[in-house]
C-alpha atoms as a PDB file:
ATOM      1  CA  MET A   1     -10.288 -19.020  17.619  1.00  0.00           C
ATOM      2  CA  MET A   2     -12.832 -18.339  20.379  1.00  0.00           C
ATOM      3  CA  ALA A   3     -13.891 -21.895  20.070  1.00  0.00           C
ATOM      4  CA  GLY A   4     -10.585 -23.248  20.310  1.00  0.00           C
ATOM      5  CA  ASP A   5     -10.530 -25.013  16.971  1.00  0.00           C
ATOM      6  CA  LEU A   6      -7.147 -22.962  15.836  1.00  0.00           C
ATOM      7  CA  ASP A   7      -3.967 -22.432  17.588  1.00  0.00           C
ATOM      8  CA  ALA A   8      -3.089 -19.252  15.762  1.00  0.00           C
ATOM      9  CA  PHE A   9      -4.052 -16.873  12.961  1.00  0.00           C
ATOM     10  CA  PRO A  10      -1.075 -14.933  12.160  1.00  0.00           C
ATOM     11  CA  ASN A  11      -2.677 -12.493   9.856  1.00  0.00           C
ATOM     12  CA  PHE A  12      -5.777 -11.939  11.088  1.00  0.00           C
ATOM     13  CA  PRO A  13      -8.358 -10.354   8.599  1.00  0.00           C
ATOM     14  CA  ALA A  14     -10.566  -8.540  11.115  1.00  0.00           C
ATOM     15  CA  PRO A  15      -8.693  -5.553  13.105  1.00  0.00           C
ATOM     16  CA  GLU A  16     -11.892  -4.094  14.566  1.00  0.00           C
ATOM     17  CA  ALA A  17     -12.010  -8.063  16.485  1.00  0.00           C
ATOM     18  CA  MET A  18      -8.796  -7.152  17.925  1.00  0.00           C
ATOM     19  CA  PRO A  19      -9.700  -5.252  21.551  1.00  0.00           C
ATOM     20  CA  GLN A  20     -12.093  -8.798  22.390  1.00  0.00           C
ATOM     21  CA  PHE A  21      -8.477 -10.716  21.671  1.00  0.00           C
ATOM     22  CA  GLN A  22      -6.385  -8.048  23.703  1.00  0.00           C
ATOM     23  CA  ALA A  23      -8.795  -8.518  26.679  1.00  0.00           C
ATOM     24  CA  ASP A  24      -8.952 -12.062  26.942  1.00  0.00           C
ATOM     25  CA  GLY A  25      -5.885 -13.669  28.325  1.00  0.00           C
ATOM     26  CA  ARG A  26      -6.009 -16.861  26.241  1.00  0.00           C
ATOM     27  CA  PHE A  27      -4.490 -14.988  23.256  1.00  0.00           C
ATOM     28  CA  THR A  28      -1.535 -13.278  22.151  1.00  0.00           C
ATOM     29  CA  VAL A  29      -2.358 -10.572  19.934  1.00  0.00           C
ATOM     30  CA  GLU A  30       0.808  -8.846  18.255  1.00  0.00           C
ATOM     31  CA  ILE A  31       0.480  -5.967  15.762  1.00  0.00           C
ATOM     32  CA  GLY A  32       3.198  -5.705  13.449  1.00  0.00           C
ATOM     33  CA  THR A  33       4.442  -4.892  10.056  1.00  0.00           C
ATOM     34  CA  THR A  34       4.692  -6.013   6.719  1.00  0.00           C
ATOM     35  CA  ALA A  35       6.913  -5.099   3.465  1.00  0.00           C
ATOM     36  CA  GLY A  36       3.080  -4.612   1.905  1.00  0.00           C
ATOM     37  CA  LYS A  37       3.123  -0.963  -0.108  1.00  0.00           C
ATOM     38  CA  THR A  38      -0.508  -0.356  -0.430  1.00  0.00           C
ATOM     39  CA  ILE A  39      -1.119   1.564  -2.940  1.00  0.00           C
ATOM     40  CA  LEU A  40      -3.664   3.222  -5.492  1.00  0.00           C
ATOM     41  CA  ALA A  41      -2.149   2.207  -8.499  1.00  0.00           C
ATOM     42  CA  LEU A  42      -3.103   4.478 -11.520  1.00  0.00           C
ATOM     43  CA  ASN A  43      -2.454   3.575 -15.057  1.00  0.00           C
ATOM     44  CA  ASN A  44       0.289   6.303 -16.138  1.00  0.00           C
ATOM     45  CA  ALA A  45      -0.565   5.517 -19.958  1.00  0.00           C
ATOM     46  CA  ARG A  46      -4.459   6.697 -20.008  1.00  0.00           C
ATOM     47  CA  LYS A  47      -5.875   9.933 -19.633  1.00  0.00           C
ATOM     48  CA  PRO A  48      -6.076  11.896 -17.463  1.00  0.00           C
ATOM     49  CA  PHE A  49      -3.352   9.885 -15.308  1.00  0.00           C
ATOM     50  CA  ASP A  50      -0.805  10.542 -17.753  1.00  0.00           C
ATOM     51  CA  ASP A  51      -0.618  14.433 -16.730  1.00  0.00           C
ATOM     52  CA  VAL A  52       1.409  14.244 -13.172  1.00  0.00           C
ATOM     53  CA  ARG A  53      -0.853  16.790 -11.943  1.00  0.00           C
ATOM     54  CA  VAL A  54      -3.754  14.654 -11.876  1.00  0.00           C
ATOM     55  CA  ARG A  55      -1.765  12.005 -10.032  1.00  0.00           C
ATOM     56  CA  ARG A  56      -0.782  14.742  -7.380  1.00  0.00           C
ATOM     57  CA  ALA A  57      -4.255  15.738  -6.958  1.00  0.00           C
ATOM     58  CA  LEU A  58      -5.434  12.318  -5.971  1.00  0.00           C
ATOM     59  CA  ALA A  59      -2.811  12.133  -3.775  1.00  0.00           C
ATOM     60  CA  HIS A  60      -4.135  15.637  -2.005  1.00  0.00           C
ATOM     61  CA  ALA A  61      -7.674  14.086  -2.149  1.00  0.00           C
ATOM     62  CA  ILE A  62      -7.070  11.035   0.145  1.00  0.00           C
ATOM     63  CA  ASP A  63      -6.798  11.200   3.642  1.00  0.00           C
ATOM     64  CA  ARG A  64      -3.972   8.430   4.544  1.00  0.00           C
ATOM     65  CA  ARG A  65      -4.851   8.376   8.068  1.00  0.00           C
ATOM     66  CA  ALA A  66      -8.540   8.048   8.002  1.00  0.00           C
ATOM     67  CA  LEU A  67      -8.536   5.607   5.179  1.00  0.00           C
ATOM     68  CA  VAL A  68      -6.030   3.493   7.819  1.00  0.00           C
ATOM     69  CA  ASP A  69      -8.753   4.055  10.521  1.00  0.00           C
ATOM     70  CA  ALA A  70     -11.213   2.750   8.255  1.00  0.00           C
ATOM     71  CA  VAL A  71      -9.989  -0.020   6.907  1.00  0.00           C
ATOM     72  CA  SER A  72      -7.686  -1.574   9.633  1.00  0.00           C
ATOM     73  CA  SER A  73      -8.780   0.412  12.926  1.00  0.00           C
ATOM     74  CA  GLY A  74      -5.701   2.317  12.817  1.00  0.00           C
ATOM     75  CA  PHE A  75      -3.069  -0.076  12.155  1.00  0.00           C
ATOM     76  CA  GLY A  76      -1.075   0.591   9.275  1.00  0.00           C
ATOM     77  CA  THR A  77       1.359   3.533   8.968  1.00  0.00           C
ATOM     78  CA  PRO A  78       1.073   5.824   6.139  1.00  0.00           C
ATOM     79  CA  ILE A  79       3.782   6.397   3.549  1.00  0.00           C
ATOM     80  CA  GLY A  80       4.716   8.851   0.612  1.00  0.00           C
ATOM     81  CA  SER A  81       6.542   6.118  -1.683  1.00  0.00           C
ATOM     82  CA  HIS A  82       7.074   3.063  -2.335  1.00  0.00           C
ATOM     83  CA  TYR A  83       9.500   2.020   0.662  1.00  0.00           C
ATOM     84  CA  THR A  84       8.481   1.272   4.550  1.00  0.00           C
ATOM     85  CA  PRO A  85       9.724   2.097   7.560  1.00  0.00           C
ATOM     86  CA  ALA A  86      11.555  -1.028   8.428  1.00  0.00           C
ATOM     87  CA  ASP A  87      13.688  -1.008   5.383  1.00  0.00           C
ATOM     88  CA  PRO A  88      16.834   0.791   5.242  1.00  0.00           C
ATOM     89  CA  GLY A  89      17.330   4.054   4.249  1.00  0.00           C
ATOM     90  CA  TYR A  90      13.468   4.879   4.543  1.00  0.00           C
ATOM     91  CA  VAL A  91      12.958   8.654   3.821  1.00  0.00           C
ATOM     92  CA  ASP A  92       9.517   9.819   5.496  1.00  0.00           C
ATOM     93  CA  LEU A  93       7.612  11.434   2.787  1.00  0.00           C
ATOM     94  CA  ALA A  94       4.244  10.563   3.906  1.00  0.00           C
ATOM     95  CA  ASN A  95       3.690  14.400   4.438  1.00  0.00           C
ATOM     96  CA  LEU A  96       4.356  15.435   0.932  1.00  0.00           C
ATOM     97  CA  TYR A  97       0.836  15.461  -0.247  1.00  0.00           C
ATOM     98  CA  PRO A  98      -1.297  16.085   3.092  1.00  0.00           C
ATOM     99  CA  TYR A  99      -4.773  15.954   2.793  1.00  0.00           C
ATOM    100  CA  ASP A 100      -6.220  18.825   1.038  1.00  0.00           C
ATOM    101  CA  PRO A 101      -9.159  18.570  -1.208  1.00  0.00           C
ATOM    102  CA  ALA A 102      -9.316  22.796  -1.968  1.00  0.00           C
ATOM    103  CA  LYS A 103      -5.716  21.791  -3.592  1.00  0.00           C
ATOM    104  CA  ALA A 104      -6.832  18.668  -5.575  1.00  0.00           C
ATOM    105  CA  LYS A 105      -9.546  20.529  -7.124  1.00  0.00           C
ATOM    106  CA  GLU A 106      -7.311  23.592  -8.169  1.00  0.00           C
ATOM    107  CA  LEU A 107      -4.342  20.778  -9.214  1.00  0.00           C
ATOM    108  CA  LEU A 108      -7.746  19.052 -11.316  1.00  0.00           C
ATOM    109  CA  ALA A 109      -8.537  22.490 -12.920  1.00  0.00           C
ATOM    110  CA  GLU A 110      -5.045  23.007 -13.700  1.00  0.00           C
ATOM    111  CA  ALA A 111      -5.007  19.503 -15.596  1.00  0.00           C
ATOM    112  CA  GLY A 112      -8.181  20.554 -17.436  1.00  0.00           C
ATOM    113  CA  VAL A 113     -10.114  17.925 -15.529  1.00  0.00           C
ATOM    114  CA  PRO A 114     -14.097  18.685 -15.261  1.00  0.00           C
ATOM    115  CA  ALA A 115     -16.308  18.263 -12.416  1.00  0.00           C
ATOM    116  CA  GLY A 116     -17.772  14.993 -13.173  1.00  0.00           C
ATOM    117  CA  THR A 117     -14.718  12.839 -14.731  1.00  0.00           C
ATOM    118  CA  SER A 118     -15.688   9.172 -14.229  1.00  0.00           C
ATOM    119  CA  PHE A 119     -13.063   6.662 -14.080  1.00  0.00           C
ATOM    120  CA  THR A 120     -13.042   2.733 -12.340  1.00  0.00           C
ATOM    121  CA  ILE A 121     -11.162   1.558  -9.531  1.00  0.00           C
ATOM    122  CA  VAL A 122     -10.868  -2.233 -10.066  1.00  0.00           C
ATOM    123  CA  LEU A 123     -10.493  -4.150  -6.528  1.00  0.00           C
ATOM    124  CA  PRO A 124      -9.173  -7.742  -5.855  1.00  0.00           C
ATOM    125  CA  PRO A 125     -10.468  -9.276  -3.347  1.00  0.00           C
ATOM    126  CA  PRO A 126      -8.264  -9.056  -0.150  1.00  0.00           C
ATOM    127  CA  THR A 127     -10.432  -6.791   2.686  1.00  0.00           C
ATOM    128  CA  TYR A 128      -7.972  -3.684   2.189  1.00  0.00           C
ATOM    129  CA  ALA A 129      -8.825  -3.660  -1.263  1.00  0.00           C
ATOM    130  CA  ARG A 130     -12.616  -3.798  -0.915  1.00  0.00           C
ATOM    131  CA  ARG A 131     -12.795  -1.233   2.135  1.00  0.00           C
ATOM    132  CA  GLY A 132     -10.485   0.753   0.695  1.00  0.00           C
ATOM    133  CA  GLY A 133     -12.269   1.319  -2.236  1.00  0.00           C
ATOM    134  CA  GLU A 134     -15.305   2.475  -0.761  1.00  0.00           C
ATOM    135  CA  VAL A 135     -13.309   4.940   1.603  1.00  0.00           C
ATOM    136  CA  ILE A 136     -11.309   6.241  -1.437  1.00  0.00           C
ATOM    137  CA  ALA A 137     -14.113   6.431  -3.959  1.00  0.00           C
ATOM    138  CA  ALA A 138     -16.288   8.547  -1.168  1.00  0.00           C
ATOM    139  CA  GLN A 139     -13.121  11.079  -0.677  1.00  0.00           C
ATOM    140  CA  LEU A 140     -12.720  11.505  -4.268  1.00  0.00           C
ATOM    141  CA  GLN A 141     -16.118  12.168  -5.201  1.00  0.00           C
ATOM    142  CA  GLN A 142     -15.656  15.088  -2.774  1.00  0.00           C
ATOM    143  CA  VAL A 143     -13.354  16.774  -5.339  1.00  0.00           C
ATOM    144  CA  GLY A 144     -15.710  16.290  -8.155  1.00  0.00           C
ATOM    145  CA  LEU A 145     -14.834  13.025  -9.639  1.00  0.00           C
ATOM    146  CA  ASP A 146     -17.262  10.289 -10.556  1.00  0.00           C
ATOM    147  CA  VAL A 147     -15.656   6.762  -9.177  1.00  0.00           C
ATOM    148  CA  LYS A 148     -17.113   3.360  -9.765  1.00  0.00           C
ATOM    149  CA  LEU A 149     -15.941   0.437  -7.964  1.00  0.00           C
ATOM    150  CA  ALA A 150     -15.246  -3.128  -9.821  1.00  0.00           C
ATOM    151  CA  PRO A 151     -14.892  -5.981  -7.497  1.00  0.00           C
ATOM    152  CA  ILE A 152     -13.158  -8.640  -9.311  1.00  0.00           C
ATOM    153  CA  GLU A 153     -11.546 -12.345  -8.498  1.00  0.00           C
ATOM    154  CA  PHE A 154      -7.769 -12.555  -8.303  1.00  0.00           C
ATOM    155  CA  ALA A 155      -7.327 -14.432 -11.272  1.00  0.00           C
ATOM    156  CA  GLN A 156      -9.060 -11.550 -13.378  1.00  0.00           C
ATOM    157  CA  TRP A 157      -6.709  -9.381 -11.591  1.00  0.00           C
ATOM    158  CA  LEU A 158      -3.814 -11.342 -12.740  1.00  0.00           C
ATOM    159  CA  ASP A 159      -4.727 -11.294 -16.620  1.00  0.00           C
ATOM    160  CA  GLN A 160      -6.816  -8.026 -17.148  1.00  0.00           C
ATOM    161  CA  ILE A 161      -4.273  -5.659 -14.981  1.00  0.00           C
ATOM    162  CA  PHE A 162      -1.036  -7.525 -14.034  1.00  0.00           C
ATOM    163  CA  ARG A 163      -0.808  -9.130 -17.634  1.00  0.00           C
ATOM    164  CA  ARG A 164      -2.556  -6.602 -20.145  1.00  0.00           C
ATOM    165  CA  SER A 165      -2.478  -3.047 -18.062  1.00  0.00           C
ATOM    166  CA  GLU A 166      -6.485  -2.935 -18.750  1.00  0.00           C
ATOM    167  CA  PHE A 167      -7.443  -0.549 -16.037  1.00  0.00           C
ATOM    168  CA  ASP A 168      -7.791   2.971 -14.930  1.00  0.00           C
ATOM    169  CA  ALA A 169      -7.031   2.251 -11.233  1.00  0.00           C
ATOM    170  CA  THR A 170      -6.630  -0.515  -8.795  1.00  0.00           C
ATOM    171  CA  ILE A 171      -5.890  -0.922  -5.136  1.00  0.00           C
ATOM    172  CA  ILE A 172      -3.199  -3.493  -4.043  1.00  0.00           C
ATOM    173  CA  SER A 173      -0.689  -3.958  -1.749  1.00  0.00           C
ATOM    174  CA  HIS A 174       3.002  -4.833  -2.907  1.00  0.00           C
ATOM    175  CA  THR A 175       4.406  -7.499  -0.402  1.00  0.00           C
ATOM    176  CA  GLU A 176       7.764  -8.038  -1.907  1.00  0.00           C
ATOM    177  CA  ALA A 177      10.334  -6.420   0.084  1.00  0.00           C
ATOM    178  CA  ARG A 178      12.559  -3.568  -1.058  1.00  0.00           C
ATOM    179  CA  ASP A 179      10.857  -3.390  -4.688  1.00  0.00           C
ATOM    180  CA  LEU A 180      12.119  -0.321  -6.125  1.00  0.00           C
ATOM    181  CA  ASP A 181      13.099  -2.351  -9.173  1.00  0.00           C
ATOM    182  CA  ILE A 182       9.905  -2.203 -10.525  1.00  0.00           C
ATOM    183  CA  TYR A 183       9.622   1.133 -11.550  1.00  0.00           C
ATOM    184  CA  ALA A 184      12.751   0.841 -13.430  1.00  0.00           C
ATOM    185  CA  ARG A 185      11.264  -1.803 -15.719  1.00  0.00           C
ATOM    186  CA  ASP A 186      10.498  -1.502 -19.169  1.00  0.00           C
ATOM    187  CA  LYS A 187       7.026  -2.662 -18.738  1.00  0.00           C
ATOM    188  CA  TYR A 188       5.007  -3.122 -15.728  1.00  0.00           C
ATOM    189  CA  TYR A 189       1.274  -2.844 -15.277  1.00  0.00           C
ATOM    190  CA  PHE A 190       0.945   0.862 -14.226  1.00  0.00           C
ATOM    191  CA  ASN A 191       3.002   1.922 -17.523  1.00  0.00           C
ATOM    192  CA  TYR A 192       5.367   4.360 -15.296  1.00  0.00           C
ATOM    193  CA  GLN A 193       8.247   5.670 -17.590  1.00  0.00           C
ATOM    194  CA  SER A 194      11.113   7.877 -16.412  1.00  0.00           C
ATOM    195  CA  PRO A 195      14.763   7.758 -17.691  1.00  0.00           C
ATOM    196  CA  GLU A 196      15.539   9.723 -15.023  1.00  0.00           C
ATOM    197  CA  TYR A 197      14.634   7.093 -12.231  1.00  0.00           C
ATOM    198  CA  LYS A 198      16.239   4.144 -14.002  1.00  0.00           C
ATOM    199  CA  ALA A 199      19.394   6.044 -14.339  1.00  0.00           C
ATOM    200  CA  LEU A 200      19.193   6.760 -10.957  1.00  0.00           C
ATOM    201  CA  TYR A 201      18.119   3.163 -10.469  1.00  0.00           C
ATOM    202  CA  LYS A 202      21.356   1.947 -12.268  1.00  0.00           C
ATOM    203  CA  GLN A 203      23.367   3.754 -10.507  1.00  0.00           C
ATOM    204  CA  TYR A 204      22.030   2.373  -7.007  1.00  0.00           C
ATOM    205  CA  LEU A 205      22.707  -1.272  -8.566  1.00  0.00           C
ATOM    206  CA  GLU A 206      26.151  -0.681  -9.182  1.00  0.00           C
ATOM    207  CA  ALA A 207      26.866   1.184  -6.256  1.00  0.00           C
ATOM    208  CA  VAL A 208      29.287  -0.196  -3.300  1.00  0.00           C
ATOM    209  CA  ASP A 209      29.786   2.080  -0.786  1.00  0.00           C
ATOM    210  CA  PRO A 210      27.257   1.617   1.929  1.00  0.00           C
ATOM    211  CA  ALA A 211      26.406   5.386   2.278  1.00  0.00           C
ATOM    212  CA  GLN A 212      26.631   6.132  -1.578  1.00  0.00           C
ATOM    213  CA  GLN A 213      23.889   3.410  -1.545  1.00  0.00           C
ATOM    214  CA  LEU A 214      21.557   5.072   0.958  1.00  0.00           C
ATOM    215  CA  ALA A 215      21.857   8.463  -0.516  1.00  0.00           C
ATOM    216  CA  LEU A 216      20.987   6.803  -3.567  1.00  0.00           C
ATOM    217  CA  LEU A 217      17.663   4.869  -1.893  1.00  0.00           C
ATOM    218  CA  ALA A 218      16.656   8.509  -0.437  1.00  0.00           C
ATOM    219  CA  GLY A 219      16.972   9.803  -4.048  1.00  0.00           C
ATOM    220  CA  LEU A 220      14.830   7.077  -5.343  1.00  0.00           C
ATOM    221  CA  GLN A 221      11.923   7.372  -3.052  1.00  0.00           C
ATOM    222  CA  ARG A 222      11.749  11.152  -3.659  1.00  0.00           C
ATOM    223  CA  LYS A 223      11.774  10.982  -6.957  1.00  0.00           C
ATOM    224  CA  LEU A 224       8.825   8.498  -7.329  1.00  0.00           C
ATOM    225  CA  ALA A 225       7.143  10.983  -4.492  1.00  0.00           C
ATOM    226  CA  GLU A 226       7.558  13.734  -6.989  1.00  0.00           C
ATOM    227  CA  ASP A 227       6.638  11.928  -9.868  1.00  0.00           C
ATOM    228  CA  GLU A 228       3.819   9.526  -7.911  1.00  0.00           C
ATOM    229  CA  PRO A 229       2.864   7.637 -10.763  1.00  0.00           C
ATOM    230  CA  ASN A 230       0.989   5.407  -7.953  1.00  0.00           C
ATOM    231  CA  VAL A 231      -0.808   6.844  -5.117  1.00  0.00           C
ATOM    232  CA  PHE A 232       1.263   5.803  -2.164  1.00  0.00           C
ATOM    233  CA  LEU A 233      -1.038   4.533   0.920  1.00  0.00           C
ATOM    234  CA  TYR A 234       0.258   3.066   3.782  1.00  0.00           C
ATOM    235  CA  VAL A 235       2.187  -0.279   4.896  1.00  0.00           C
ATOM    236  CA  LEU A 236      -0.178  -3.411   5.313  1.00  0.00           C
ATOM    237  CA  PRO A 237      -0.120  -4.209   8.873  1.00  0.00           C
ATOM    238  CA  LYS A 238       0.583  -7.818  10.215  1.00  0.00           C
ATOM    239  CA  ILE A 239      -1.990  -8.686  12.900  1.00  0.00           C
ATOM    240  CA  GLY A 240      -1.459 -11.605  14.275  1.00  0.00           C
ATOM    241  CA  LEU A 241      -3.508 -13.741  17.039  1.00  0.00           C
ATOM    242  CA  TRP A 242      -2.437 -16.838  18.447  1.00  0.00           C
ATOM    243  CA  LYS A 243      -2.930 -18.862  22.012  1.00  0.00           C
ATOM    244  CA  ALA A 244      -0.793 -17.590  24.748  1.00  0.00           C
ATOM    245  CA  GLN A 245       1.071 -20.514  24.995  1.00  0.00           C
ATOM    246  CA  LEU A 246       2.107 -20.797  21.322  1.00  0.00           C
ATOM    247  CA  LYS A 247       5.616 -19.405  21.240  1.00  0.00           C
ATOM    248  CA  GLY A 248       8.212 -18.130  18.445  1.00  0.00           C
ATOM    249  CA  MET A 249       5.432 -17.093  15.997  1.00  0.00           C
ATOM    250  CA  TRP A 250       6.757 -14.109  13.853  1.00  0.00           C
ATOM    251  CA  LYS A 251       5.592 -10.529  15.070  1.00  0.00           C
ATOM    252  CA  ASN A 252       6.707  -8.906  11.694  1.00  0.00           C
ATOM    253  CA  SER A 253       6.162 -10.157   7.829  1.00  0.00           C
ATOM    254  CA  PRO A 254       9.653  -8.830   6.243  1.00  0.00           C
ATOM    255  CA  ILE A 255       8.770 -11.331   3.425  1.00  0.00           C
ATOM    256  CA  PRO A 256       5.372 -12.771   2.647  1.00  0.00           C
ATOM    257  CA  THR A 257       5.721 -15.730   4.380  1.00  0.00           C
ATOM    258  CA  ASP A 258       5.005 -17.263   8.055  1.00  0.00           C
ATOM    259  CA  ASP A 259       7.695 -19.125   9.374  1.00  0.00           C
ATOM    260  CA  VAL A 260       7.282 -21.749  12.096  1.00  0.00           C
ATOM    261  CA  THR A 261      10.357 -23.214  12.276  1.00  0.00           C
ATOM    262  CA  ALA A 262      10.981 -21.605  15.966  1.00  0.00           C
ATOM    263  CA  VAL A 263       7.779 -22.130  17.418  1.00  0.00           C
ATOM    264  CA  TYR A 264       7.084 -23.833  20.427  1.00  0.00           C
ATOM    265  CA  TRP A 265       4.358 -24.681  23.201  1.00  0.00           C
ATOM    266  CA  ASP A 266       5.146 -23.397  26.281  1.00  0.00           C
ATOM    267  CA  GLU A 267       2.075 -25.091  29.034  1.00  0.00           C
ATOM    268  CA  LYS A 268       3.480 -22.915  31.640  1.00  0.00           C
ATOM    269  CA  SER A 269       2.217 -19.847  29.984  1.00  0.00           C
END
């Protein structure tokens, strides 16, 4: 970008470099948002993650704001359920499990999880996963857990985790918009099974009144936050960088794409 070889980098992977570009009039920097719900996904079919107290303990043990600062230089919005602030009917549940290592230790003790319990977080290639794994492992070790990190390639992730559910935990960003349906499926990789959630989601699908739909959306978010099948971390930011003369680039990514149909050059800029 600095050499002029590229006109645009719509999803810039190095947020720590943004001040350099923001201070350079040759470039436009846009910090937007995505549909990417970044989560610490847990295998609910494996011990100790089959116990909601353990899942809540992990949520209390992770400092989401510190995680966002470390992984993406502060760009990103902490969340408390599988939904983003840009979605209709969003409920802010980010503070339901505030950072509280003492509470995390208490819940782990109640669940009979001894200090030194070990598990592995599998990390696919994206920066948010690799950097995030290091931060989360350090935070979980502060509450007595022995966390191992296992970097793998995406083809391995899709086979081992997404297809076969052979994992303890993983960090992944779900970029599909409004994908609350994945928690109502009979089989999905993190093995969350809740008849109550399925019934609530069915009501949502069948609702025709907009007010009822919004109320049911709120109920779905709260049910996920209550059960905490995964630790909901933050919304993946969209860090856009392009030449100042380039206009019409998307600031936000409501869907995982870069639409350039309205992009044009303005040589006067």
